[in-house]
């Protein structure tokens, strides 16, 4: 039997502005280096995690999936392509492993989100599908890519929206929620807002540093676990502080442009649309920070 396939399409918000500023070979090489290191981060995560899972007697991700990824200009495609597992016939366990795989994907994307925000003030908007996709080098094909791309278009804000094929799978949605609650407490990993269901990636990131999370409470019983949680908390605080600075700066910038170009209807509406996106990110940021007891970093 096979687990559910996951395919994610990511649009790097802010890349267009970076790309437009490239006017020399030096600038071009700097941006190419940034994108190359992004690719290398995913590859390195893959290598490190594979070794860890080989030692896991409960669940080895690589028995179940072949992770693949590609960087295509300002887009990132990730797919977890399922393998046939002949020895597991328990449908509930397979569904649980499928739900766990989504959380692993979001965890990896979280590491990349952290890097891109800190280095280049880039945020992510994406779509997630359970339909088929395959990747070879920089080529990605399949219905899952189209479905994830369509979901990304509906996301509007800096969030990871679920495609209709995911939302319609009631058993899978229930399993995802139950697994998150078991690991991180009574919070929402999947959120529905204005007709869009999205993965609460920020809350997931903060949950790994929240002492009230069941998995964190278990981890801090050991010295190694306490060090890991402390390191995660430091990363989370840097991420929140950087995102806070970005939101404040961007709202000021686009509000000034909105007032300056108010007489021009097209520019006024364009600036208003961008402002709405940063107002949403501010609200989302504050809600997660308050819920996970990081009130110091609210905006």
Protein backbone atom coordinates (compact mmCIF):
# COMPACT_ATOMS: atom_id res chain seq x y z
CA UNK A 1 0.00 0.00 0.00
CA UNK A 2 1.00 3.63 -0.46
CA UNK A 3 0.68 6.71 1.70
CA UNK A 4 -0.79 9.97 0.40
CA UNK A 5 1.41 11.99 -1.94
CA UNK A 6 2.07 15.61 -0.99
CA UNK A 7 2.97 18.31 -3.51
CA UNK A 8 3.74 21.91 -2.54
CA UNK A 9 4.13 24.93 -4.82
CA UNK A 10 5.76 28.00 -3.24
CA UNK A 11 5.91 31.56 -4.54
CA UNK A 12 8.67 33.61 -2.92
CA UNK A 13 7.08 36.98 -2.12
CA UNK A 14 9.60 39.78 -2.48
CA UNK A 15 11.75 38.04 -5.08
CA UNK A 16 10.45 40.25 -7.90
CA UNK A 17 11.71 43.35 -6.08
CA UNK A 18 15.10 41.71 -5.55
CA UNK A 19 15.30 40.59 -9.16
CA UNK A 20 14.41 44.06 -10.46
CA UNK A 21 17.36 45.53 -8.58
CA UNK A 22 19.84 43.26 -10.39
CA UNK A 23 21.66 45.47 -12.93
CA UNK A 24 25.25 44.20 -12.77
CA UNK A 25 27.12 40.89 -12.86
CA UNK A 26 27.97 41.37 -9.19
CA UNK A 27 24.32 41.76 -8.20
CA UNK A 28 23.37 38.79 -10.37
CA UNK A 29 25.96 36.53 -8.76
CA UNK A 30 24.80 37.61 -5.29
CA UNK A 31 21.18 36.67 -6.04
CA UNK A 32 22.19 33.42 -7.74
CA UNK A 33 24.26 32.54 -4.66
CA UNK A 34 21.25 33.21 -2.44
CA UNK A 35 19.05 30.90 -4.50
CA UNK A 36 21.77 28.25 -4.68
CA UNK A 37 22.14 28.22 -0.91
CA UNK A 38 18.37 27.88 -0.59
CA UNK A 39 18.55 24.73 -2.71
CA UNK A 40 21.49 23.50 -0.65
CA UNK A 41 19.60 24.06 2.61
CA UNK A 42 16.86 21.65 1.50
CA UNK A 43 19.46 19.13 0.30
CA UNK A 44 21.35 19.35 3.61
CA UNK A 45 18.16 18.98 5.61
CA UNK A 46 17.40 15.91 3.53
CA UNK A 47 20.76 14.35 4.27
CA UNK A 48 20.62 15.08 8.01
CA UNK A 49 17.04 13.91 8.46
CA UNK A 50 17.59 10.74 6.44
CA UNK A 51 20.29 9.63 8.87
CA UNK A 52 18.03 10.34 11.83
CA UNK A 53 15.10 8.42 10.39
CA UNK A 54 17.25 5.39 9.65
CA UNK A 55 17.66 5.06 13.42
CA UNK A 56 13.94 5.48 14.12
CA UNK A 57 12.35 2.12 14.93
CA UNK A 58 8.79 3.48 14.80
CA UNK A 59 8.65 5.43 11.52
CA UNK A 60 11.27 5.72 8.81
CA UNK A 61 10.11 8.41 6.40
CA UNK A 62 12.31 7.02 3.65
CA UNK A 63 10.59 3.64 3.75
CA UNK A 64 7.43 5.48 2.78
CA UNK A 65 8.49 8.44 0.65
CA UNK A 66 10.97 9.69 -1.90
CA UNK A 67 11.27 13.45 -1.25
CA UNK A 68 12.05 15.60 -4.30
CA UNK A 69 12.37 19.34 -4.81
CA UNK A 70 13.11 21.88 -7.54
CA UNK A 71 13.78 25.62 -7.66
CA UNK A 72 12.25 27.27 -10.72
CA UNK A 73 13.05 31.00 -10.77
CA UNK A 74 11.12 32.45 -7.79
CA UNK A 75 9.12 29.26 -7.24
CA UNK A 76 9.86 26.15 -5.19
CA UNK A 77 8.23 22.78 -5.80
CA UNK A 78 8.44 20.00 -3.23
CA UNK A 79 6.85 16.59 -3.54
CA UNK A 80 6.89 13.58 -1.25
CA UNK A 81 6.38 10.74 -3.72
CA UNK A 82 5.00 7.65 -1.95
CA UNK A 83 6.63 4.22 -2.20
CA UNK A 84 4.82 0.88 -2.13
CA UNK A 85 5.00 -0.57 1.38
CA UNK A 86 3.89 -4.18 1.09
CA UNK A 87 4.26 -5.06 4.77
CA UNK A 88 1.83 -2.42 6.11
CA UNK A 89 -1.87 -3.11 5.51
CA UNK A 90 -3.34 -1.04 8.36
CA UNK A 91 -5.17 1.84 6.65
CA UNK A 92 -5.25 3.94 9.83
CA UNK A 93 -1.47 3.73 10.27
CA UNK A 94 -0.93 4.65 6.64
CA UNK A 95 -3.17 7.68 7.08
CA UNK A 96 -1.25 8.68 10.22
CA UNK A 97 2.07 8.44 8.34
CA UNK A 98 0.57 10.56 5.57
CA UNK A 99 -0.45 13.25 8.08
CA UNK A 100 2.99 13.10 9.67
CA UNK A 101 4.60 13.62 6.25
CA UNK A 102 2.73 16.91 5.80
CA UNK A 103 4.04 18.15 9.14
CA UNK A 104 7.57 17.13 8.14
CA UNK A 105 7.23 19.10 4.88
CA UNK A 106 6.03 22.20 6.74
CA UNK A 107 8.88 21.81 9.22
CA UNK A 108 11.41 21.80 6.37
CA UNK A 109 9.76 24.75 4.68
CA UNK A 110 9.90 26.53 8.03
CA UNK A 111 13.70 26.28 8.03
CA UNK A 112 13.80 27.73 4.52
CA UNK A 113 11.27 30.45 5.41
CA UNK A 114 13.49 31.44 8.32
CA UNK A 115 16.57 31.73 6.06
CA UNK A 116 14.80 33.71 3.33
CA UNK A 117 13.17 36.14 5.77
CA UNK A 118 16.40 36.81 7.65
CA UNK A 119 18.60 37.18 4.57
CA UNK A 120 16.34 38.88 2.01
CA UNK A 121 13.03 39.80 3.70
CA UNK A 122 11.22 37.18 1.61
CA UNK A 123 8.01 35.52 2.75
CA UNK A 124 6.25 32.48 1.32
CA UNK A 125 2.84 31.95 -0.22
CA UNK A 126 1.99 28.46 -1.35
CA UNK A 127 -0.46 25.75 -2.26
CA UNK A 128 -0.57 22.10 -1.17
CA UNK A 129 -2.10 19.18 -3.07
CA UNK A 130 -2.31 15.40 -2.70
CA UNK A 131 -2.37 14.73 -6.42
CA UNK A 132 0.45 13.20 -8.47
CA UNK A 133 3.69 15.03 -9.23
CA UNK A 134 7.18 14.04 -10.26
CA UNK A 135 10.39 16.08 -10.40
CA UNK A 136 13.55 15.60 -12.45
CA UNK A 137 16.26 18.23 -11.94
CA UNK A 138 14.49 21.57 -12.60
CA UNK A 139 11.44 20.02 -14.24
CA UNK A 140 8.24 19.37 -12.29
CA UNK A 141 5.15 17.80 -13.88
CA UNK A 142 1.80 16.39 -12.86
CA UNK A 143 -1.73 17.19 -11.78
CA UNK A 144 -0.48 17.83 -8.24
CA UNK A 145 1.67 20.70 -9.44
CA UNK A 146 -1.29 22.30 -11.24
CA UNK A 147 -3.54 21.80 -8.22
CA UNK A 148 -0.97 23.22 -5.77
CA UNK A 149 -0.32 26.15 -8.11
CA UNK A 150 -4.05 26.91 -8.26
CA UNK A 151 -4.30 26.75 -4.46
CA UNK A 152 -1.34 29.15 -4.17
CA UNK A 153 -3.25 31.63 -6.32
CA UNK A 154 -6.21 31.45 -3.93
CA UNK A 155 -4.02 31.87 -0.84
CA UNK A 156 -3.74 35.65 -1.50
CA UNK A 157 -1.75 36.26 1.70
CA UNK A 158 1.56 34.81 2.95
CA UNK A 159 0.18 31.39 3.83
CA UNK A 160 0.09 27.78 2.57
CA UNK A 161 -3.39 27.05 1.22
CA UNK A 162 -4.78 23.54 0.82
CA UNK A 163 -6.09 22.50 -2.58
CA UNK A 164 -9.67 21.23 -2.87
CA UNK A 165 -8.43 17.63 -3.21
CA UNK A 166 -6.97 17.85 0.31
CA UNK A 167 -9.96 19.58 1.90
CA UNK A 168 -12.39 17.05 0.44
CA UNK A 169 -10.52 14.17 2.11
CA UNK A 170 -12.34 14.30 5.45
CA UNK A 171 -10.49 11.33 6.97
CA UNK A 172 -7.11 12.82 6.14
CA UNK A 173 -8.07 16.25 7.47
CA UNK A 174 -9.26 14.67 10.72
CA UNK A 175 -6.05 12.67 11.08
CA UNK A 176 -3.90 15.76 10.52
CA UNK A 177 -5.76 17.67 13.23
CA UNK A 178 -5.60 14.77 15.69
CA UNK A 179 -1.88 14.20 15.17
CA UNK A 180 -1.09 17.89 15.64
CA UNK A 181 -3.15 18.02 18.82
CA UNK A 182 -1.37 14.93 20.15
CA UNK A 183 2.05 16.46 19.53
CA UNK A 184 1.51 20.18 20.11
CA UNK A 185 -1.67 20.60 22.11
CA UNK A 186 -5.12 21.99 21.51
CA UNK A 187 -4.38 24.45 18.74
CA UNK A 188 -5.21 24.81 15.06
CA UNK A 189 -2.81 23.45 12.46
CA UNK A 190 -5.45 23.76 9.75
CA UNK A 191 -7.36 27.03 9.65
CA UNK A 192 -10.33 28.03 7.49
CA UNK A 193 -10.70 31.74 6.79
CA UNK A 194 -12.86 33.41 4.14
CA UNK A 195 -13.30 30.15 2.24
CA UNK A 196 -9.57 29.30 2.21
CA UNK A 197 -8.19 26.46 4.35
CA UNK A 198 -4.50 26.88 5.09
CA UNK A 199 -1.71 25.33 7.12
CA UNK A 200 -0.90 27.35 10.22
CA UNK A 201 2.86 27.22 9.58
CA UNK A 202 3.72 30.02 12.03
CA UNK A 203 1.88 28.40 14.94
CA UNK A 204 3.63 25.13 14.08
CA UNK A 205 7.00 26.87 14.22
CA UNK A 206 6.20 28.47 17.56
CA UNK A 207 4.71 25.25 18.96
CA UNK A 208 8.14 23.62 18.80
CA UNK A 209 9.35 26.22 21.33
CA UNK A 210 6.23 26.24 23.53
CA UNK A 211 6.80 24.47 26.85
CA UNK A 212 3.09 23.61 26.94
CA UNK A 213 3.36 21.46 23.81
CA UNK A 214 3.23 17.76 24.78
CA UNK A 215 6.19 16.90 22.51
CA UNK A 216 8.25 19.77 23.96
CA UNK A 217 7.34 18.78 27.52
CA UNK A 218 8.65 15.29 26.78
CA UNK A 219 11.80 16.59 25.10
CA UNK A 220 12.94 18.79 28.00
CA UNK A 221 13.13 15.75 30.29
CA UNK A 222 16.59 15.09 28.86
CA UNK A 223 19.65 17.34 28.66
CA UNK A 224 19.88 16.95 24.89
CA UNK A 225 16.19 17.75 24.54
CA UNK A 226 16.51 20.92 26.64
CA UNK A 227 19.37 22.12 24.45
CA UNK A 228 17.33 21.47 21.31
CA UNK A 229 14.29 23.32 22.64
CA UNK A 230 16.45 26.24 23.79
CA UNK A 231 17.99 26.48 20.33
CA UNK A 232 14.58 26.35 18.70
CA UNK A 233 13.32 29.10 20.97
CA UNK A 234 16.22 31.35 20.02
CA UNK A 235 15.51 30.78 16.31
CA UNK A 236 11.82 31.50 16.81
CA UNK A 237 12.54 34.77 18.61
CA UNK A 238 14.87 35.92 15.79
CA UNK A 239 12.24 34.98 13.19
CA UNK A 240 9.45 36.82 15.02
CA UNK A 241 11.59 39.90 15.55
CA UNK A 242 12.61 39.98 11.87
CA UNK A 243 9.04 39.49 10.67
CA UNK A 244 7.84 42.20 13.03
CA UNK A 245 10.40 44.65 11.60
CA UNK A 246 9.43 43.73 8.03
CA UNK A 247 5.71 44.26 8.65
CA UNK A 248 6.24 47.63 10.35
CA UNK A 249 8.59 48.85 7.60
CA UNK A 250 6.31 47.65 4.79
CA UNK A 251 3.14 49.16 6.24
CA UNK A 252 4.88 52.51 6.66
CA UNK A 253 6.30 52.35 3.13
CA UNK A 254 3.07 51.46 1.36
CA UNK A 255 0.91 53.74 3.49
CA UNK A 256 3.19 56.64 2.53
CA UNK A 257 2.87 55.61 -1.13
CA UNK A 258 -0.91 55.27 -0.72
CA UNK A 259 -1.18 58.85 0.56
CA UNK A 260 1.26 60.21 -2.02
CA UNK A 261 -0.51 58.59 -4.98
CA UNK A 262 -4.05 58.96 -3.65
CA UNK A 263 -5.19 61.05 -6.62
CA UNK A 264 -4.20 58.25 -9.02
CA UNK A 265 -6.94 55.61 -8.71
CA UNK A 266 -4.86 52.76 -10.13
CA UNK A 267 -1.87 53.40 -7.87
CA UNK A 268 -4.11 54.03 -4.88
CA UNK A 269 -5.86 50.68 -5.35
CA UNK A 270 -2.56 48.89 -5.96
CA UNK A 271 -1.07 50.24 -2.72
CA UNK A 272 -4.27 49.42 -0.86
CA UNK A 273 -4.09 45.78 -2.01
CA UNK A 274 -0.50 45.48 -0.79
CA UNK A 275 -1.38 47.15 2.51
CA UNK A 276 -4.20 44.65 3.07
CA UNK A 277 -1.68 41.80 2.73
CA UNK A 278 0.60 43.30 5.37
CA UNK A 279 -2.35 44.08 7.65
CA UNK A 280 -3.32 40.42 7.37
CA UNK A 281 0.25 39.30 8.14
CA UNK A 282 0.31 41.60 11.18
CA UNK A 283 -2.91 40.09 12.50
CA UNK A 284 -1.71 36.54 11.81
CA UNK A 285 1.68 37.23 13.41
CA UNK A 286 0.12 38.72 16.54
CA UNK A 287 -2.42 35.92 16.97
CA UNK A 288 0.29 33.23 16.85
CA UNK A 289 2.67 35.17 19.11
CA UNK A 290 -0.01 35.71 21.76
CA UNK A 291 -1.28 32.14 21.64
CA UNK A 292 2.22 30.70 22.09
CA UNK A 293 3.28 33.22 24.78
CA UNK A 294 5.62 35.32 22.65
CA UNK A 295 3.78 38.57 23.41
CA UNK A 296 7.04 40.53 23.41
CA UNK A 297 7.12 40.20 19.63
CA UNK A 298 3.60 41.43 18.84
CA UNK A 299 3.26 44.37 16.50
